[in-house]
Amino acid sequence: MKIITTGFNGLVILEPKVLGDSRGYFMESFSRKTLMEAGFDINFVQDNQSRSTQGVARGLHFQNAPYAQTKLVRVLAGSILDVVVDLRRNEPTFGKHYVIELTAENKKQILVPKGFAHGFIVLGDYAEIMYKCDEYYVPQAEGGILFTDPALGISLPVAHDQLILSDKDKKNPLLSEAKFEF
């Protein structure tokens, strides 16, 4: 598995080696040993999976300390624009975002460390997403940031008024008003 740095401390892209032939393909989608050899000692405790239709935006979500989560995100079907925002005040990338297209075809994964808000927008007809977490979901620790916050400067593939957001995500605060602790 190839590990690609992003310029954000701890945020990396995992690109699996895919072995394909006329029968299909095989790949190792996760290896604790590979991550440990690269300096990431993560004990994942929960897998989550979602399916969404075109134009759906989920996020930008995070959990505050002490329940902050590291996530390993991949797409099982379809394609998404995956977006993370660094909320770690002590990092030079604080308030900046990173965007990557994750697809069932490219099989890339993003390892999102604690201290980031995470979300995605479905690009095709639908997408199925699976992600591992190293902490359990705790409702009282959750937080969010508005996807369309102009201060973030995220270039979205869908017009703001065309995004399909949950009622909860529509009420997410701007980055400048969000409360988070990492």
C-alpha atoms as a PDB file:
ATOM      1  CA  MET A   1       0.000   0.000   0.000  1.00  0.00           C
ATOM      2  CA  LYS A   2       1.303   3.416  -0.952  1.00  0.00           C
ATOM      3  CA  ILE A   3       0.986   6.222   1.619  1.00  0.00           C
ATOM      4  CA  ILE A   4       0.787   9.729   0.132  1.00  0.00           C
ATOM      5  CA  THR A   5       1.349  12.841   2.254  1.00  0.00           C
ATOM      6  CA  THR A   6      -0.935  15.864   1.854  1.00  0.00           C
ATOM      7  CA  GLY A   7       0.879  18.776   3.495  1.00  0.00           C
ATOM      8  CA  PHE A   8      -1.377  18.466   6.567  1.00  0.00           C
ATOM      9  CA  ASN A   9       0.230  16.827   9.607  1.00  0.00           C
ATOM     10  CA  GLY A  10      -1.175  13.286   9.950  1.00  0.00           C
ATOM     11  CA  LEU A  11      -3.581  13.537   6.987  1.00  0.00           C
ATOM     12  CA  VAL A  12      -2.590  10.958   4.374  1.00  0.00           C
ATOM     13  CA  ILE A  13      -4.003   9.191   1.351  1.00  0.00           C
ATOM     14  CA  LEU A  14      -3.752   5.410   1.160  1.00  0.00           C
ATOM     15  CA  GLU A  15      -3.485   3.950  -2.315  1.00  0.00           C
ATOM     16  CA  PRO A  16      -3.810   0.171  -2.284  1.00  0.00           C
ATOM     17  CA  LYS A  17      -2.025  -2.144  -4.685  1.00  0.00           C
ATOM     18  CA  VAL A  18      -4.782  -3.635  -6.841  1.00  0.00           C
ATOM     19  CA  LEU A  19      -4.186  -7.020  -8.435  1.00  0.00           C
ATOM     20  CA  GLY A  20      -6.569  -7.539 -11.318  1.00  0.00           C
ATOM     21  CA  ASP A  21      -7.211 -10.101 -14.006  1.00  0.00           C
ATOM     22  CA  SER A  22     -10.125 -11.420 -16.067  1.00  0.00           C
ATOM     23  CA  ARG A  23     -11.876 -12.605 -12.885  1.00  0.00           C
ATOM     24  CA  GLY A  24     -11.894  -9.203 -11.213  1.00  0.00           C
ATOM     25  CA  TYR A  25      -9.489  -7.800  -8.650  1.00  0.00           C
ATOM     26  CA  PHE A  26      -8.027  -8.278  -5.172  1.00  0.00           C
ATOM     27  CA  MET A  27      -6.644  -5.631  -2.839  1.00  0.00           C
ATOM     28  CA  GLU A  28      -5.684  -5.256   0.778  1.00  0.00           C
ATOM     29  CA  SER A  29      -7.909  -2.411   1.975  1.00  0.00           C
ATOM     30  CA  PHE A  30      -6.514  -2.198   5.496  1.00  0.00           C
ATOM     31  CA  SER A  31      -3.375  -3.359   7.279  1.00  0.00           C
ATOM     32  CA  ARG A  32      -2.649  -2.301  10.837  1.00  0.00           C
ATOM     33  CA  LYS A  33       0.958  -3.419  10.274  1.00  0.00           C
ATOM     34  CA  THR A  34       1.381  -1.130   7.239  1.00  0.00           C
ATOM     35  CA  LEU A  35      -0.008   1.856   9.147  1.00  0.00           C
ATOM     36  CA  MET A  36       2.174   1.114  12.182  1.00  0.00           C
ATOM     37  CA  GLU A  37       5.281   0.898   9.979  1.00  0.00           C
ATOM     38  CA  ALA A  38       4.359   4.351   8.643  1.00  0.00           C
ATOM     39  CA  GLY A  39       4.048   5.728  12.204  1.00  0.00           C
ATOM     40  CA  PHE A  40       0.276   5.470  12.675  1.00  0.00           C
ATOM     41  CA  ASP A  41      -0.697   3.443  15.764  1.00  0.00           C
ATOM     42  CA  ILE A  42      -4.470   3.384  15.400  1.00  0.00           C
ATOM     43  CA  ASN A  43      -6.893   0.913  16.928  1.00  0.00           C
ATOM     44  CA  PHE A  44     -10.133   1.089  14.945  1.00  0.00           C
ATOM     45  CA  VAL A  45     -13.212   0.101  16.986  1.00  0.00           C
ATOM     46  CA  GLN A  46     -16.184   0.838  14.723  1.00  0.00           C
ATOM     47  CA  ASP A  47     -17.060   0.639  11.009  1.00  0.00           C
ATOM     48  CA  ASN A  48     -19.761   2.873   9.528  1.00  0.00           C
ATOM     49  CA  GLN A  49     -21.368   2.661   6.109  1.00  0.00           C
ATOM     50  CA  SER A  50     -23.716   5.046   4.324  1.00  0.00           C
ATOM     51  CA  ARG A  51     -25.422   5.304   0.965  1.00  0.00           C
ATOM     52  CA  SER A  52     -26.424   8.668  -0.458  1.00  0.00           C
ATOM     53  CA  THR A  53     -27.774  10.008  -3.740  1.00  0.00           C
ATOM     54  CA  GLN A  54     -26.383  12.640  -6.106  1.00  0.00           C
ATOM     55  CA  GLY A  55     -25.990  16.102  -4.595  1.00  0.00           C
ATOM     56  CA  VAL A  56     -26.167  14.910  -0.998  1.00  0.00           C
ATOM     57  CA  ALA A  57     -23.617  16.603   1.250  1.00  0.00           C
ATOM     58  CA  ARG A  58     -22.891  15.083   4.639  1.00  0.00           C
ATOM     59  CA  GLY A  59     -20.861  17.088   7.108  1.00  0.00           C
ATOM     60  CA  LEU A  60     -18.733  18.780   7.988  1.00  0.00           C
ATOM     61  CA  HIS A  61     -18.722  16.658  11.179  1.00  0.00           C
ATOM     62  CA  PHE A  62     -16.358  16.080  14.091  1.00  0.00           C
ATOM     63  CA  GLN A  63     -16.357  14.830  17.673  1.00  0.00           C
ATOM     64  CA  ASN A  64     -14.712  16.836  20.426  1.00  0.00           C
ATOM     65  CA  ALA A  65     -12.104  15.507  22.852  1.00  0.00           C
ATOM     66  CA  PRO A  66     -11.969  13.191  24.615  1.00  0.00           C
ATOM     67  CA  TYR A  67     -14.072  11.397  21.990  1.00  0.00           C
ATOM     68  CA  ALA A  68     -12.373  12.823  18.886  1.00  0.00           C
ATOM     69  CA  GLN A  69     -12.131  10.285  16.073  1.00  0.00           C
ATOM     70  CA  THR A  70      -9.537   9.245  13.540  1.00  0.00           C
ATOM     71  CA  LYS A  71     -11.333   8.005  10.405  1.00  0.00           C
ATOM     72  CA  LEU A  72     -10.255   5.876   7.458  1.00  0.00           C
ATOM     73  CA  VAL A  73     -12.684   6.672   4.630  1.00  0.00           C
ATOM     74  CA  ARG A  74     -13.237   4.800   1.348  1.00  0.00           C
ATOM     75  CA  VAL A  75     -15.886   4.510  -1.347  1.00  0.00           C
ATOM     76  CA  LEU A  76     -17.409   1.108  -2.116  1.00  0.00           C
ATOM     77  CA  ALA A  77     -19.628   2.267  -5.014  1.00  0.00           C
ATOM     78  CA  GLY A  78     -19.855   5.531  -6.930  1.00  0.00           C
ATOM     79  CA  SER A  79     -17.793   8.656  -6.265  1.00  0.00           C
ATOM     80  CA  ILE A  80     -17.571  11.492  -3.759  1.00  0.00           C
ATOM     81  CA  LEU A  81     -15.724  14.713  -3.236  1.00  0.00           C
ATOM     82  CA  ASP A  82     -14.262  14.175   0.219  1.00  0.00           C
ATOM     83  CA  VAL A  83     -13.538  17.318   2.243  1.00  0.00           C
ATOM     84  CA  VAL A  84     -11.683  17.829   5.515  1.00  0.00           C
ATOM     85  CA  VAL A  85     -11.010  21.021   7.478  1.00  0.00           C
ATOM     86  CA  ASP A  86      -8.165  21.248   9.991  1.00  0.00           C
ATOM     87  CA  LEU A  87      -9.514  22.398  13.374  1.00  0.00           C
ATOM     88  CA  ARG A  88      -6.233  21.983  15.265  1.00  0.00           C
ATOM     89  CA  ARG A  89      -5.403  25.518  16.396  1.00  0.00           C
ATOM     90  CA  ASN A  90      -1.703  24.671  16.951  1.00  0.00           C
ATOM     91  CA  GLU A  91      -1.148  23.567  13.335  1.00  0.00           C
ATOM     92  CA  PRO A  92      -0.101  25.914  10.490  1.00  0.00           C
ATOM     93  CA  THR A  93      -2.945  24.401   8.430  1.00  0.00           C
ATOM     94  CA  PHE A  94      -5.630  25.451  10.944  1.00  0.00           C
ATOM     95  CA  GLY A  95      -8.811  26.511   9.121  1.00  0.00           C
ATOM     96  CA  LYS A  96      -7.557  25.211   5.791  1.00  0.00           C
ATOM     97  CA  HIS A  97      -9.265  22.449   3.838  1.00  0.00           C
ATOM     98  CA  TYR A  98      -8.152  19.480   1.777  1.00  0.00           C
ATOM     99  CA  VAL A  99     -10.285  17.960  -0.987  1.00  0.00           C
ATOM    100  CA  ILE A 100      -9.925  14.655  -2.833  1.00  0.00           C
ATOM    101  CA  GLU A 101     -12.138  12.646  -5.150  1.00  0.00           C
ATOM    102  CA  LEU A 102     -12.611   9.145  -3.786  1.00  0.00           C
ATOM    103  CA  THR A 103     -14.179   6.599  -6.101  1.00  0.00           C
ATOM    104  CA  ALA A 104     -14.912   2.914  -6.236  1.00  0.00           C
ATOM    105  CA  GLU A 105     -12.611   2.843  -9.267  1.00  0.00           C
ATOM    106  CA  ASN A 106      -9.549   4.623  -7.858  1.00  0.00           C
ATOM    107  CA  LYS A 107      -9.902   2.799  -4.505  1.00  0.00           C
ATOM    108  CA  LYS A 108      -8.023   5.556  -2.685  1.00  0.00           C
ATOM    109  CA  GLN A 109      -8.700   6.099   1.002  1.00  0.00           C
ATOM    110  CA  ILE A 110      -8.156   9.105   3.218  1.00  0.00           C
ATOM    111  CA  LEU A 111      -6.877   8.779   6.775  1.00  0.00           C
ATOM    112  CA  VAL A 112      -8.381  11.702   8.694  1.00  0.00           C
ATOM    113  CA  PRO A 113      -6.723  12.295  12.070  1.00  0.00           C
ATOM    114  CA  LYS A 114      -8.379  13.610  15.209  1.00  0.00           C
ATOM    115  CA  GLY A 115      -8.923  17.360  15.023  1.00  0.00           C
ATOM    116  CA  PHE A 116     -10.450  17.544  11.554  1.00  0.00           C
ATOM    117  CA  ALA A 117     -14.018  18.172  10.451  1.00  0.00           C
ATOM    118  CA  HIS A 118     -14.992  15.704   7.730  1.00  0.00           C
ATOM    119  CA  GLY A 119     -17.664  15.601   5.052  1.00  0.00           C
ATOM    120  CA  PHE A 120     -18.390  14.628   1.490  1.00  0.00           C
ATOM    121  CA  ILE A 121     -20.574  15.383  -1.512  1.00  0.00           C
ATOM    122  CA  VAL A 122     -21.898  12.622  -3.788  1.00  0.00           C
ATOM    123  CA  LEU A 123     -20.801  13.221  -7.386  1.00  0.00           C
ATOM    124  CA  GLY A 124     -22.591  10.469  -9.335  1.00  0.00           C
ATOM    125  CA  ASP A 125     -26.069   8.972  -9.127  1.00  0.00           C
ATOM    126  CA  TYR A 126     -25.230   7.510  -5.714  1.00  0.00           C
ATOM    127  CA  ALA A 127     -22.311   6.499  -3.522  1.00  0.00           C
ATOM    128  CA  GLU A 128     -21.690   3.989  -0.762  1.00  0.00           C
ATOM    129  CA  ILE A 129     -19.087   5.050   1.749  1.00  0.00           C
ATOM    130  CA  MET A 130     -17.429   3.007   4.462  1.00  0.00           C
ATOM    131  CA  TYR A 131     -15.230   4.377   7.186  1.00  0.00           C
ATOM    132  CA  LYS A 132     -13.435   3.047  10.205  1.00  0.00           C
ATOM    133  CA  CYS A 133     -13.304   5.034  13.467  1.00  0.00           C
ATOM    134  CA  ASP A 134     -10.947   4.692  16.408  1.00  0.00           C
ATOM    135  CA  GLU A 135     -13.527   6.011  18.899  1.00  0.00           C
ATOM    136  CA  TYR A 136     -17.203   5.218  19.322  1.00  0.00           C
ATOM    137  CA  TYR A 137     -19.818   7.782  18.342  1.00  0.00           C
ATOM    138  CA  VAL A 138     -20.845   9.953  21.318  1.00  0.00           C
ATOM    139  CA  PRO A 139     -23.778  12.291  20.510  1.00  0.00           C
ATOM    140  CA  GLN A 140     -22.855  14.801  23.238  1.00  0.00           C
ATOM    141  CA  ALA A 141     -19.376  15.252  21.693  1.00  0.00           C
ATOM    142  CA  GLU A 142     -20.481  15.878  18.117  1.00  0.00           C
ATOM    143  CA  GLY A 143     -20.060  19.141  16.305  1.00  0.00           C
ATOM    144  CA  GLY A 144     -20.200  20.517  12.814  1.00  0.00           C
ATOM    145  CA  ILE A 145     -19.267  23.345  10.488  1.00  0.00           C
ATOM    146  CA  LEU A 146     -21.378  24.663   7.650  1.00  0.00           C
ATOM    147  CA  PHE A 147     -20.202  23.185   4.322  1.00  0.00           C
ATOM    148  CA  THR A 148     -20.885  26.464   2.530  1.00  0.00           C
ATOM    149  CA  ASP A 149     -19.001  28.726   4.968  1.00  0.00           C
ATOM    150  CA  PRO A 150     -17.419  31.340   2.645  1.00  0.00           C
ATOM    151  CA  ALA A 151     -14.402  31.620   4.959  1.00  0.00           C
ATOM    152  CA  LEU A 152     -13.445  28.030   4.103  1.00  0.00           C
ATOM    153  CA  GLY A 153     -13.319  28.751   0.364  1.00  0.00           C
ATOM    154  CA  ILE A 154     -14.257  25.202  -0.624  1.00  0.00           C
ATOM    155  CA  SER A 155     -14.912  24.933  -4.354  1.00  0.00           C
ATOM    156  CA  LEU A 156     -18.029  22.776  -4.522  1.00  0.00           C
ATOM    157  CA  PRO A 157     -19.115  20.801  -7.619  1.00  0.00           C
ATOM    158  CA  VAL A 158     -22.758  21.636  -6.884  1.00  0.00           C
ATOM    159  CA  ALA A 159     -24.362  25.080  -6.486  1.00  0.00           C
ATOM    160  CA  HIS A 160     -24.929  25.891  -2.819  1.00  0.00           C
ATOM    161  CA  ASP A 161     -28.702  25.996  -3.271  1.00  0.00           C
ATOM    162  CA  GLN A 162     -28.599  22.565  -4.970  1.00  0.00           C
ATOM    163  CA  LEU A 163     -26.838  20.775  -2.090  1.00  0.00           C
ATOM    164  CA  ILE A 164     -29.028  18.284  -0.272  1.00  0.00           C
ATOM    165  CA  LEU A 165     -28.272  18.680   3.442  1.00  0.00           C
ATOM    166  CA  SER A 166     -29.903  17.211   6.516  1.00  0.00           C
ATOM    167  CA  ASP A 167     -31.829  19.671   8.695  1.00  0.00           C
ATOM    168  CA  LYS A 168     -29.077  19.293  11.298  1.00  0.00           C
ATOM    169  CA  ASP A 169     -26.273  20.065   8.807  1.00  0.00           C
ATOM    170  CA  LYS A 170     -28.140  23.141   7.530  1.00  0.00           C
ATOM    171  CA  LYS A 171     -27.860  24.524  11.084  1.00  0.00           C
ATOM    172  CA  ASN A 172     -24.111  23.913  11.449  1.00  0.00           C
ATOM    173  CA  PRO A 173     -22.269  27.094  12.469  1.00  0.00           C
ATOM    174  CA  LEU A 174     -19.594  28.926  10.525  1.00  0.00           C
ATOM    175  CA  LEU A 175     -16.001  28.027  11.417  1.00  0.00           C
ATOM    176  CA  SER A 176     -15.645  31.341  13.292  1.00  0.00           C
ATOM    177  CA  GLU A 177     -18.658  30.438  15.486  1.00  0.00           C
ATOM    178  CA  ALA A 178     -18.038  26.709  15.956  1.00  0.00           C
ATOM    179  CA  LYS A 179     -17.027  25.293  19.318  1.00  0.00           C
ATOM    180  CA  PHE A 180     -14.375  22.603  19.204  1.00  0.00           C
ATOM    181  CA  GLU A 181     -11.591  21.308  21.418  1.00  0.00           C
ATOM    182  CA  PHE A 182      -8.790  18.964  20.411  1.00  0.00           C
END
